[in-house]
Protein backbone atom coordinates (compact mmCIF):
# COMPACT_ATOMS: atom_id res chain seq x y z
CA UNK A 1 -27.59 36.34 55.10
CA UNK A 2 -27.90 32.76 54.32
CA UNK A 3 -31.49 32.19 55.50
CA UNK A 4 -32.50 35.48 53.40
CA UNK A 5 -31.04 33.94 50.35
CA UNK A 6 -32.73 30.69 50.99
CA UNK A 7 -36.15 32.35 51.51
CA UNK A 8 -35.45 34.14 48.27
CA UNK A 9 -35.12 31.06 46.34
CA UNK A 10 -38.20 29.87 47.56
CA UNK A 11 -40.00 33.01 46.77
CA UNK A 12 -38.90 32.85 43.55
CA UNK A 13 -40.00 29.37 43.12
CA UNK A 14 -43.26 30.01 44.28
CA UNK A 15 -43.62 33.03 41.84
CA UNK A 16 -42.59 31.11 38.93
CA UNK A 17 -44.92 28.10 39.87
CA UNK A 18 -47.88 30.47 40.13
CA UNK A 19 -46.75 32.03 36.62
CA UNK A 20 -46.78 28.40 35.33
CA UNK A 21 -50.31 27.55 36.88
CA UNK A 22 -51.63 30.69 35.24
CA UNK A 23 -50.25 29.63 31.63
CA UNK A 24 -51.21 25.97 32.08
CA UNK A 25 -54.89 26.19 33.77
CA UNK A 26 -55.73 22.64 33.10
CA UNK A 27 -52.53 21.43 34.80
CA UNK A 28 -53.38 23.82 37.58
CA UNK A 29 -56.70 22.14 37.95
CA UNK A 30 -55.11 18.69 38.04
CA UNK A 31 -52.78 19.76 40.70
CA UNK A 32 -55.24 21.25 42.97
CA UNK A 33 -55.00 25.04 42.13
CA UNK A 34 -58.37 26.06 41.37
CA UNK A 35 -57.96 29.95 40.61
CA UNK A 36 -58.12 29.45 36.68
CA UNK A 37 -60.86 26.63 36.31
CA UNK A 38 -62.71 28.60 33.91
CA UNK A 39 -60.01 28.82 31.33
CA UNK A 40 -57.95 27.03 28.93
CA UNK A 41 -54.32 27.58 27.86
CA UNK A 42 -53.62 30.27 25.41
CA UNK A 43 -51.71 28.74 22.33
CA UNK A 44 -51.40 31.99 20.27
CA UNK A 45 -47.71 32.27 18.96
CA UNK A 46 -47.11 35.30 21.32
CA UNK A 47 -48.40 33.35 24.43
CA UNK A 48 -46.12 30.44 23.31
CA UNK A 49 -43.06 32.73 23.04
CA UNK A 50 -43.87 34.49 26.54
CA UNK A 51 -44.06 30.89 28.10
CA UNK A 52 -40.86 29.94 26.47
CA UNK A 53 -38.99 33.15 27.67
CA UNK A 54 -40.54 32.72 31.20
CA UNK A 55 -38.77 29.06 31.14
CA UNK A 56 -35.47 30.46 29.87
CA UNK A 57 -35.66 33.54 32.54
CA UNK A 58 -36.51 30.98 35.22
CA UNK A 59 -33.89 28.39 34.33
CA UNK A 60 -31.25 31.22 34.42
CA UNK A 61 -32.29 32.53 37.58
CA UNK A 62 -32.28 29.20 39.33
CA UNK A 63 -29.08 28.07 38.18
CA UNK A 64 -27.53 31.53 39.33
CA UNK A 65 -28.73 30.63 42.99
CA UNK A 66 -25.78 29.53 45.02
CA UNK A 67 -27.50 26.72 47.16
CA UNK A 68 -24.31 25.50 48.82
CA UNK A 69 -25.32 27.24 52.07
CA UNK A 70 -28.89 26.10 51.97
CA UNK A 71 -30.09 23.43 54.44
CA UNK A 72 -30.49 20.00 52.91
CA UNK A 73 -34.27 20.22 51.95
CA UNK A 74 -33.69 23.40 50.14
CA UNK A 75 -30.61 22.28 48.26
CA UNK A 76 -32.84 19.09 47.06
CA UNK A 77 -35.63 21.61 46.29
CA UNK A 78 -33.30 23.94 44.45
CA UNK A 79 -31.91 21.06 42.13
CA UNK A 80 -35.62 20.06 41.65
CA UNK A 81 -36.80 23.50 40.22
CA UNK A 82 -33.38 23.72 38.19
CA UNK A 83 -34.51 20.26 36.55
CA UNK A 84 -38.16 21.24 36.24
CA UNK A 85 -37.39 24.45 34.36
CA UNK A 86 -35.10 22.42 32.17
CA UNK A 87 -37.83 20.12 31.54
CA UNK A 88 -40.39 22.82 30.46
CA UNK A 89 -37.76 24.47 28.23
CA UNK A 90 -36.99 21.14 26.49
CA UNK A 91 -40.43 20.85 25.69
CA UNK A 92 -40.46 24.03 23.92
CA UNK A 93 -37.22 23.55 22.13
CA UNK A 94 -36.76 19.92 21.35
CA UNK A 95 -40.26 17.93 21.80
CA UNK A 96 -42.06 20.88 20.53
CA UNK A 97 -45.27 19.22 20.92
CA UNK A 98 -47.39 22.40 20.24
CA UNK A 99 -46.21 22.17 16.43
CA UNK A 100 -45.76 18.46 16.24
CA UNK A 101 -48.58 16.86 18.05
CA UNK A 102 -52.10 17.53 16.92
CA UNK A 103 -53.46 15.73 19.91
CA UNK A 104 -52.24 18.68 22.24
CA UNK A 105 -55.19 20.71 21.39
CA UNK A 106 -57.79 17.90 21.55
CA UNK A 107 -56.62 16.96 25.14
CA UNK A 108 -56.65 20.79 26.26
CA UNK A 109 -60.38 20.90 25.84
CA UNK A 110 -61.13 17.43 26.84
CA UNK A 111 -59.29 17.05 29.94
CA UNK A 112 -60.00 20.67 30.95
CA UNK A 113 -63.71 19.79 30.82
CA UNK A 114 -63.55 16.26 32.04
CA UNK A 115 -61.40 17.13 35.22
CA UNK A 116 -63.96 19.57 36.34
CA UNK A 117 -66.67 16.93 35.96
CA UNK A 118 -64.83 14.11 37.96
CA UNK A 119 -63.44 15.96 40.71
CA UNK A 120 -65.62 17.05 43.32
CA UNK A 121 -63.61 19.84 45.09
CA UNK A 122 -66.61 22.29 44.82
CA UNK A 123 -70.47 22.28 44.42
CA UNK A 124 -71.82 20.93 41.20
CA UNK A 125 -73.38 24.25 40.00
CA UNK A 126 -70.02 25.91 40.59
CA UNK A 127 -67.87 23.49 38.70
CA UNK A 128 -70.52 23.73 35.85
CA UNK A 129 -70.04 27.59 35.60
CA UNK A 130 -66.35 26.98 35.38
CA UNK A 131 -67.09 24.13 32.54
CA UNK A 132 -69.00 26.98 30.51
CA UNK A 133 -65.83 29.05 30.49
CA UNK A 134 -63.75 26.27 29.33
CA UNK A 135 -66.38 24.90 26.76
CA UNK A 136 -66.48 28.74 25.18
CA UNK A 137 -62.41 28.50 24.85
CA UNK A 138 -62.33 25.36 22.86
CA UNK A 139 -63.03 26.65 19.39
CA UNK A 140 -60.34 29.24 19.81
CA UNK A 141 -57.80 26.49 21.08
CA UNK A 142 -58.36 24.08 18.09
CA UNK A 143 -58.24 27.11 15.57
CA UNK A 144 -54.74 27.96 17.37
CA UNK A 145 -53.84 24.18 16.70
CA UNK A 146 -54.64 24.37 13.02
CA UNK A 147 -52.40 27.55 12.78
CA UNK A 148 -49.60 25.93 14.70
CA UNK A 149 -49.23 22.54 13.59
CA UNK A 150 -46.29 22.11 10.89
CA UNK A 151 -47.96 19.24 8.93
CA UNK A 152 -44.72 17.66 7.75
CA UNK A 153 -43.31 17.32 11.14
CA UNK A 154 -46.28 15.44 12.56
CA UNK A 155 -45.44 11.66 13.25
CA UNK A 156 -48.42 9.70 11.51
CA UNK A 157 -49.12 7.56 14.69
CA UNK A 158 -49.60 10.93 16.61
CA UNK A 159 -52.07 12.01 14.03
CA UNK A 160 -53.83 8.72 14.25
CA UNK A 161 -54.07 9.30 18.21
CA UNK A 162 -55.37 12.69 17.84
CA UNK A 163 -58.25 11.63 15.37
CA UNK A 164 -59.24 8.92 17.76
CA UNK A 165 -59.17 11.20 20.49
CA UNK A 166 -61.21 13.77 18.68
CA UNK A 167 -63.88 11.15 17.69
CA UNK A 168 -64.01 9.93 21.35
CA UNK A 169 -64.36 13.40 22.73
CA UNK A 170 -67.45 14.19 20.69
CA UNK A 171 -69.82 12.33 23.02
CA UNK A 172 -68.60 14.58 25.83
CA UNK A 173 -69.97 17.83 24.19
CA UNK A 174 -73.14 16.12 22.16
CA UNK A 175 -74.44 14.18 25.04
CA UNK A 176 -72.99 14.35 28.44
CA UNK A 177 -72.88 18.30 28.77
CA UNK A 178 -76.40 18.77 27.47
CA UNK A 179 -78.07 16.29 29.77
CA UNK A 180 -75.92 17.79 32.94
CA UNK A 181 -76.92 21.22 31.86
CA UNK A 182 -80.63 20.52 32.89
CA UNK A 183 -79.40 20.24 36.37
CA UNK A 184 -78.21 23.95 36.34
CA UNK A 185 -81.34 25.59 34.60
CA UNK A 186 -79.53 29.33 35.45
CA UNK A 187 -76.93 28.59 32.69
CA UNK A 188 -78.38 25.53 30.91
CA UNK A 189 -78.80 27.35 27.61
CA UNK A 190 -75.37 28.80 27.69
CA UNK A 191 -73.69 25.39 28.30
CA UNK A 192 -75.89 23.74 25.36
CA UNK A 193 -75.14 26.57 23.06
CA UNK A 194 -71.21 26.13 24.09
CA UNK A 195 -71.53 22.55 23.61
CA UNK A 196 -72.68 22.90 20.02
CA UNK A 197 -70.01 25.30 19.33
CA UNK A 198 -67.37 23.02 21.01
CA UNK A 199 -68.82 19.96 18.66
CA UNK A 200 -68.59 22.05 15.55
CA UNK A 201 -65.08 23.05 16.21
CA UNK A 202 -64.05 19.45 17.08
CA UNK A 203 -65.61 18.25 13.69
CA UNK A 204 -63.90 20.97 11.74
CA UNK A 205 -60.76 19.88 13.76
CA UNK A 206 -61.02 16.17 12.67
CA UNK A 207 -61.59 17.28 9.25
CA UNK A 208 -58.43 19.11 9.36
CA UNK A 209 -56.60 16.06 10.70
CA UNK A 210 -57.95 13.66 8.38
CA UNK A 211 -57.82 16.23 4.95
CA UNK A 212 -54.93 18.27 5.95
CA UNK A 213 -52.71 16.66 8.29
CA UNK A 214 -52.75 12.95 7.14
CA UNK A 215 -51.61 13.35 3.55
CA UNK A 216 -48.62 15.34 4.74
CA UNK A 217 -47.56 13.81 7.82
CA UNK A 218 -44.34 12.34 7.89
CA UNK A 219 -42.51 13.24 10.97
CA UNK A 220 -40.34 10.87 13.04
CA UNK A 221 -41.70 10.11 16.68
CA UNK A 222 -38.49 8.59 17.79
CA UNK A 223 -36.65 10.75 20.43
CA UNK A 224 -33.18 9.68 19.16
CA UNK A 225 -30.32 8.25 21.25
CA UNK A 226 -28.96 11.54 22.49
CA UNK A 227 -32.14 12.96 23.59
CA UNK A 228 -33.23 9.75 25.25
CA UNK A 229 -29.98 9.47 27.38
CA UNK A 230 -30.53 13.33 28.19
CA UNK A 231 -33.95 12.46 29.58
CA UNK A 232 -32.53 9.47 31.77
CA UNK A 233 -29.85 11.73 33.11
CA UNK A 234 -31.47 14.81 33.72
CA UNK A 235 -35.17 14.03 34.42
CA UNK A 236 -34.61 10.50 36.27
CA UNK A 237 -31.20 11.05 37.31
CA UNK A 238 -30.08 7.71 36.00
CA UNK A 239 -26.45 6.76 34.57
CA UNK A 240 -27.98 4.31 32.15
CA UNK A 241 -27.04 4.56 28.48
CA UNK A 242 -29.27 3.08 25.87
CA UNK A 243 -27.46 0.11 25.26
CA UNK A 244 -27.31 -0.38 29.25
CA UNK A 245 -30.93 -0.01 29.65
CA UNK A 246 -31.89 -2.47 26.61
CA UNK A 247 -29.22 -5.09 28.17
CA UNK A 248 -31.27 -4.63 31.55
CA UNK A 249 -34.51 -4.96 29.97
CA UNK A 250 -33.80 -8.13 28.22
CA UNK A 251 -32.16 -9.65 31.20
CA UNK A 252 -35.18 -8.80 33.25
CA UNK A 253 -37.55 -10.03 30.49
CA UNK A 254 -35.75 -13.58 30.33
CA UNK A 255 -35.31 -14.03 34.16
CA UNK A 256 -39.31 -13.14 34.42
CA UNK A 257 -39.93 -15.74 31.80
CA UNK A 258 -37.96 -18.46 33.73
CA UNK A 259 -39.68 -17.59 37.16
CA UNK A 260 -43.07 -17.66 35.50
CA UNK A 261 -42.26 -21.11 34.07
CA UNK A 262 -41.22 -22.13 37.57
CA UNK A 263 -44.49 -21.18 39.23
CA UNK A 264 -46.35 -23.02 36.46
CA UNK A 265 -44.83 -26.06 37.02
CA UNK A 266 -45.85 -25.87 40.61
CA UNK A 267 -49.51 -25.55 39.63
CA UNK A 268 -49.65 -27.96 36.92
CA UNK A 269 -46.50 -29.26 35.15
CA UNK A 270 -48.73 -30.67 32.22
CA UNK A 271 -49.83 -27.03 31.23
CA UNK A 272 -48.16 -24.00 29.64
CA UNK A 273 -48.03 -20.57 31.37
CA UNK A 274 -50.32 -19.24 28.63
CA UNK A 275 -52.57 -21.89 29.28
CA UNK A 276 -52.73 -21.28 33.06
CA UNK A 277 -53.12 -17.55 32.66
CA UNK A 278 -56.03 -18.37 30.21
CA UNK A 279 -57.71 -20.63 33.02
CA UNK A 280 -57.12 -17.89 35.61
CA UNK A 281 -59.12 -15.20 33.67
CA UNK A 282 -62.03 -17.69 33.70
CA UNK A 283 -62.43 -17.25 37.52
CA UNK A 284 -64.00 -13.93 37.93
CA UNK A 285 -66.70 -12.10 40.00
CA UNK A 286 -70.30 -11.89 38.39
CA UNK A 287 -71.06 -8.51 36.74
CA UNK A 288 -73.19 -7.32 39.50
CA UNK A 289 -70.70 -8.18 42.02
CA UNK A 290 -67.79 -6.13 40.56
CA UNK A 291 -67.63 -3.06 42.57
CA UNK A 292 -68.28 -4.82 46.03
CA UNK A 293 -65.52 -7.18 45.35
CA UNK A 294 -62.97 -4.22 44.64
CA UNK A 295 -64.31 -2.40 47.64
CA UNK A 296 -63.68 -5.57 49.57
CA UNK A 297 -60.26 -6.20 48.38
CA UNK A 298 -58.97 -2.47 48.50
CA UNK A 299 -60.28 -2.48 52.23
CA UNK A 300 -58.41 -5.64 52.84
CA UNK A 301 -55.13 -4.34 51.41
CA UNK A 302 -55.62 -1.33 53.60
CA UNK A 303 -56.13 -3.32 56.77
CA UNK A 304 -53.05 -5.60 55.81
CA UNK A 305 -51.02 -2.46 55.68
CA UNK A 306 -52.12 -1.67 59.14
CA UNK A 307 -51.79 -4.97 60.62
CA UNK A 308 -48.34 -5.66 59.43
CA UNK A 309 -46.89 -2.15 60.04
CA UNK A 310 -45.82 -1.58 56.66
CA UNK A 311 -46.23 2.24 56.61
CA UNK A 312 -48.21 5.07 58.23
CA UNK A 313 -51.58 5.75 56.26
CA UNK A 314 -51.85 9.88 56.36
CA UNK A 315 -54.82 11.07 58.34
CA UNK A 316 -57.87 12.00 56.49
CA UNK A 317 -57.26 10.10 53.41
CA UNK A 318 -60.05 8.23 51.53
CA UNK A 319 -60.40 6.18 48.40
CA UNK A 320 -63.74 6.15 46.67
CA UNK A 321 -64.54 3.30 44.52
CA UNK A 322 -67.12 4.09 42.08
CA UNK A 323 -68.45 3.00 38.66
CA UNK A 324 -66.92 4.83 35.83
CA UNK A 325 -69.21 7.52 34.52
CA UNK A 326 -70.90 6.47 31.23
CA UNK A 327 -68.94 9.26 29.01
CA UNK A 328 -65.71 7.60 29.93
CA UNK A 329 -66.52 4.00 29.65
CA UNK A 330 -65.34 4.23 25.75
CA UNK A 331 -61.83 5.09 27.09
CA UNK A 332 -61.76 3.15 30.38
CA UNK A 333 -62.49 -0.43 29.54
CA UNK A 334 -61.47 -1.97 32.93
CA UNK A 335 -60.50 0.34 35.72
CA UNK A 336 -58.38 3.53 36.47
CA UNK A 337 -57.09 5.16 39.41
CA UNK A 338 -57.45 8.92 39.75
CA UNK A 339 -55.00 10.81 42.33
CA UNK A 340 -56.01 13.68 44.51
CA UNK A 341 -54.43 16.92 43.49
CA UNK A 342 -51.19 17.71 44.92
CA UNK A 343 -52.70 20.98 46.51
CA UNK A 344 -56.16 19.63 47.51
CA UNK A 345 -57.32 20.20 50.83
CA UNK A 346 -59.25 16.98 50.80
CA UNK A 347 -57.00 13.96 49.87
CA UNK A 348 -59.37 11.65 48.22
CA UNK A 349 -58.40 9.07 45.34
CA UNK A 350 -60.97 7.77 42.85
CA UNK A 351 -60.82 4.27 41.66
CA UNK A 352 -63.38 3.95 38.69
CA UNK A 353 -64.33 0.20 37.58
CA UNK A 354 -66.16 0.26 34.41
CA UNK A 355 -69.64 -1.98 34.89
CA UNK A 356 -70.31 -4.65 32.25
CA UNK A 357 -72.88 -3.68 29.83
CA UNK A 358 -75.88 -6.08 30.50
CA UNK A 359 -77.25 -5.15 26.90
CA UNK A 360 -73.89 -6.10 25.32
CA UNK A 361 -73.36 -9.72 23.88
CA UNK A 362 -72.73 -12.48 26.25
CA UNK A 363 -69.16 -13.22 24.77
CA UNK A 364 -68.60 -9.47 25.29
CA UNK A 365 -69.55 -9.40 28.72
CA UNK A 366 -67.47 -12.44 29.68
CA UNK A 367 -64.45 -11.04 27.92
CA UNK A 368 -64.78 -7.69 30.16
CA UNK A 369 -65.20 -9.88 33.38
CA UNK A 370 -61.96 -11.84 32.29
CA UNK A 371 -60.20 -8.74 32.82
CA UNK A 372 -61.26 -8.62 36.56
CA UNK A 373 -60.11 -12.20 37.41
CA UNK A 374 -59.50 -13.14 41.15
CA UNK A 375 -55.98 -13.82 40.28
CA UNK A 376 -55.46 -10.32 39.40
CA UNK A 377 -57.64 -8.48 41.54
CA UNK A 378 -55.42 -8.60 44.72
CA UNK A 379 -52.33 -7.33 42.62
CA UNK A 380 -54.63 -4.52 41.27
CA UNK A 381 -55.90 -3.69 44.81
CA UNK A 382 -52.21 -3.18 46.28
CA UNK A 383 -50.88 -1.36 43.35
CA UNK A 384 -53.44 1.13 42.90
CA UNK A 385 -54.47 1.70 46.33
CA UNK A 386 -52.58 0.35 49.64
CA UNK A 387 -49.64 0.31 50.15
CA UNK A 388 -49.23 1.52 46.35
CA UNK A 389 -50.16 4.61 44.26
CA UNK A 390 -52.98 5.77 46.49
CA UNK A 391 -50.79 5.61 49.74
CA UNK A 392 -47.63 6.98 48.21
CA UNK A 393 -49.29 9.90 46.47
CA UNK A 394 -51.50 11.11 49.33
CA UNK A 395 -48.25 10.67 51.61
CA UNK A 396 -46.24 12.82 49.04
CA UNK A 397 -49.11 15.39 48.96
CA UNK A 398 -48.74 15.92 52.99
CA UNK A 399 -45.15 16.62 52.96
CA UNK A 400 -42.33 19.18 52.02
CA UNK A 401 -42.54 22.62 50.29
CA UNK A 402 -44.49 23.70 47.11
CA UNK A 403 -41.53 22.56 44.94
CA UNK A 404 -41.35 19.26 46.59
CA UNK A 405 -45.02 18.69 45.86
CA UNK A 406 -44.12 18.99 41.96
CA UNK A 407 -41.34 16.30 42.29
CA UNK A 408 -43.45 13.82 40.04
CA UNK A 409 -43.42 16.36 37.31
CA UNK A 410 -40.17 15.61 35.98
CA UNK A 411 -40.07 11.72 36.72
CA UNK A 412 -42.44 9.02 37.42
CA UNK A 413 -39.63 6.66 38.46
CA UNK A 414 -40.26 6.47 42.19
CA UNK A 415 -44.03 6.74 41.80
CA UNK A 416 -44.25 3.74 39.19
CA UNK A 417 -41.44 1.90 40.98
CA UNK A 418 -42.96 2.25 44.30
CA UNK A 419 -46.27 0.55 43.39
CA UNK A 420 -44.47 -2.19 41.50
CA UNK A 421 -42.04 -2.72 44.43
CA UNK A 422 -45.15 -3.01 46.66
CA UNK A 423 -46.21 -6.11 44.39
CA UNK A 424 -43.38 -8.20 45.56
CA UNK A 425 -43.26 -7.00 48.94
CA UNK A 426 -46.91 -8.01 49.71
CA UNK A 427 -46.18 -11.21 48.04
CA UNK A 428 -43.33 -11.77 50.68
CA UNK A 429 -45.60 -10.66 53.57
CA UNK A 430 -48.48 -13.06 52.53
CA UNK A 431 -51.15 -10.80 50.84
CA UNK A 432 -50.63 -12.74 47.83
CA UNK A 433 -50.68 -16.11 48.64
CA UNK A 434 -52.05 -18.29 45.87
CA UNK A 435 -49.83 -19.62 42.99
CA UNK A 436 -52.34 -18.52 40.48
CA UNK A 437 -51.92 -14.61 41.94
CA UNK A 438 -47.99 -14.93 41.86
CA UNK A 439 -48.23 -16.17 38.16
CA UNK A 440 -50.40 -13.01 37.44
CA UNK A 441 -47.86 -10.80 39.36
CA UNK A 442 -44.91 -12.06 37.11
CA UNK A 443 -47.15 -11.68 34.00
CA UNK A 444 -47.50 -8.07 34.56
CA UNK A 445 -43.86 -8.00 35.49
CA UNK A 446 -42.86 -9.58 32.20
CA UNK A 447 -45.00 -6.74 30.45
CA UNK A 448 -43.13 -4.19 32.48
CA UNK A 449 -39.87 -5.85 31.43
CA UNK A 450 -41.11 -5.67 27.72
CA UNK A 451 -41.88 -1.83 28.44
CA UNK A 452 -37.93 -1.19 28.75
CA UNK A 453 -37.10 -3.06 25.70
CA UNK A 454 -39.75 -1.15 23.79
CA UNK A 455 -38.97 2.12 25.20
CA UNK A 456 -35.32 1.93 23.94
CA UNK A 457 -36.00 0.24 20.68
CA UNK A 458 -38.73 2.41 19.55
CA UNK A 459 -36.99 5.75 20.42
CA UNK A 460 -33.57 4.52 18.74
CA UNK A 461 -35.24 3.58 15.59
CA UNK A 462 -34.52 -0.01 16.12
CA UNK A 463 -38.34 -1.06 16.16
CA UNK A 464 -41.16 0.19 14.38
CA UNK A 465 -44.92 0.69 16.04
CA UNK A 466 -46.18 -2.57 14.11
CA UNK A 467 -43.09 -4.52 15.51
CA UNK A 468 -43.50 -3.10 18.89
CA UNK A 469 -47.20 -4.30 18.92
CA UNK A 470 -46.42 -7.82 17.72
CA UNK A 471 -43.69 -8.02 20.44
CA UNK A 472 -46.45 -7.31 23.08
CA UNK A 473 -48.62 -9.76 21.77
CA UNK A 474 -46.20 -12.73 20.84
CA UNK A 475 -43.83 -12.32 24.01
CA UNK A 476 -45.92 -10.61 26.55
CA UNK A 477 -49.42 -11.97 25.84
CA UNK A 478 -51.26 -8.81 25.51
CA UNK A 479 -54.56 -8.54 23.38
CA UNK A 480 -53.87 -6.83 19.95
CA UNK A 481 -56.05 -3.89 20.73
CA UNK A 482 -54.25 -3.31 24.26
CA UNK A 483 -50.71 -3.88 22.69
CA UNK A 484 -51.79 -1.01 20.13
CA UNK A 485 -52.87 1.24 22.75
CA UNK A 486 -49.57 0.61 24.58
CA UNK A 487 -47.31 1.21 21.87
CA UNK A 488 -49.04 4.31 20.71
CA UNK A 489 -48.50 5.48 24.11
CA UNK A 490 -44.84 4.66 24.37
CA UNK A 491 -44.04 6.64 21.30
CA UNK A 492 -45.27 9.70 22.98
CA UNK A 493 -43.35 9.56 26.27
CA UNK A 494 -39.84 8.29 26.03
CA UNK A 495 -38.32 7.16 29.13
CA UNK A 496 -41.79 7.03 31.01
CA UNK A 497 -42.35 3.31 29.95
CA UNK A 498 -39.24 2.10 31.65
CA UNK A 499 -39.82 3.74 34.82
CA UNK A 500 -41.96 0.97 36.35
CA UNK A 501 -39.49 -1.82 36.41
CA UNK A 502 -36.42 0.40 36.43
CA UNK A 503 -38.19 2.39 39.35
CA UNK A 504 -38.50 -0.76 41.22
CA UNK A 505 -34.76 -1.82 40.88
CA UNK A 506 -33.78 1.72 42.07
CA UNK A 507 -36.01 1.76 45.00
CA UNK A 508 -34.54 -1.99 46.32
CA UNK A 509 -30.93 -0.64 45.81
CA UNK A 510 -32.11 2.53 48.03
CA UNK A 511 -33.75 0.30 50.78
CA UNK A 512 -31.11 -2.31 50.85
CA UNK A 513 -28.63 0.76 51.49
CA UNK A 514 -31.20 2.06 54.25
CA UNK A 515 -30.94 -1.34 55.80
CA UNK A 516 -27.20 -1.50 56.07
CA UNK A 517 -27.17 2.00 57.40
CA UNK A 518 -29.88 1.27 60.04
CA UNK A 519 -29.89 -2.41 60.76
CA UNK A 520 -32.17 -2.49 63.43
CA UNK A 521 -35.12 -0.39 61.44
CA UNK A 522 -38.45 -1.38 61.44
CA UNK A 523 -40.24 -1.93 58.13
CA UNK A 524 -42.76 0.70 58.77
CA UNK A 525 -39.94 3.30 60.02
CA UNK A 526 -38.06 2.49 56.57
CA UNK A 527 -40.92 2.95 54.35
CA UNK A 528 -42.23 5.98 56.17
CA UNK A 529 -38.47 7.51 55.71
CA UNK A 530 -38.51 6.79 52.18
CA UNK A 531 -42.07 8.06 51.55
CA UNK A 532 -41.56 11.41 53.35
CA UNK A 533 -39.14 12.41 50.81
CA UNK A 534 -42.03 12.82 48.41
CA UNK A 535 -42.15 11.88 44.78
CA UNK A 536 -38.50 12.65 44.02
CA UNK A 537 -36.09 10.61 41.82
CA UNK A 538 -34.53 8.18 43.80
CA UNK A 539 -31.02 9.76 43.44
CA UNK A 540 -32.36 12.81 45.20
CA UNK A 541 -33.95 10.59 47.82
CA UNK A 542 -30.62 9.04 48.59
CA UNK A 543 -29.10 12.41 49.53
CA UNK A 544 -32.15 13.31 51.53
CA UNK A 545 -31.90 9.81 53.59
CA UNK A 546 -28.12 9.36 53.78
């Protein structure tokens, strides 16, 4: 009887996830479910009402399951499904992005096409046929956006982001798709025609954002104290109040500043931290060496994990280091990691490195290369690849049930915390061994501590966007353009920015408790135990491990 009830839960979970995939085809593509690759989401009022009711019904269904007699894994998976459905319902009822965020509709089309271009899960011609279907859906999606958006509820900063996104996306439809269409002559004309219509729709949507939304946009992006604390409690399963979190952020920020000053004195007691960080930037690879240096460093990090028995590397995983495609170079100025889909059979991550444009002015080329300096490269390699994001995400994709594979859907606390935890771990083990690299790691930690301060301050109304940008420039040392991009993102994702450093703290607590319970365990056994839980919030991991 109990096994039947547990099996019934998993049947209902799979049924709901399949319904969600069908309603959110771009998310399905990202997760590795390719049944709906030729579609975009339906944002009609009737479809949105159906999706909202679907989330309500699923939440009621999962909350009514008595999981007390389930085995441990199933109890955790049940809790996860309750939180996932709450998350979706909160998105409809409280965040209301389909009514308040014009960028929702830009991203649907651009991401839908981009994912099919960049992920090589099927032959190129097959993917281009799916792209055609999505291109043909773009005008309708943007028209639905114009109908749905409540102008007065749009935060001005979100409208600015949407306008920038619409402008940047045009190259995809005016240049890239028409060029690629020549490689599939059977549908080339259809692709070109659909691209032209998508271009017209985006230009029309841009005019709508500029002429209709801009004069009336006066919404508030701030989540507010009540919702922010609800997200901490429900999504991340943390007990922090906003006041606790802000206090923690400031302590971490000030402690990191002191640690940076200590390392700086070891390097050169006559120079400031900022001077030394600027000097680090001057020591970088040549433009033509860039990809090879990343390939070498990531291979070195992988071998270091093996040689020091840090964690098991899942069988069959690969990481491809490639130049950023031309159509993405405007939005990926330096580098980016793309994880394999949760459900993909081939677990291949992609690390994109944007080449330096040889036609650009010499000072601009030098500025780009400074972002790839040798003090930063090893930290980037271990954070993004081994034992950081790539290793953890591939591991998570290889374990557990279908609900467990979606653990990162509600919280990035473990994912971001793990990669950040790995930075300090690899320094302790000797992979990061130069003072300049240690200073660079601490500079990144200062920036992550600043994220906690800004996350709380922006979403409780204690800081404006402009004040947040100034803080990152003056106190964390970011360039103004990067600071602006960061703060804009923070306005759209309350509690995500704090997850990096707070996640690291939660992981350190978890690991220390595991060591106390298993005093003779090896580092590899410890890390494998943690990684085998999947991408769960650390509180659920604690239930699994203890």
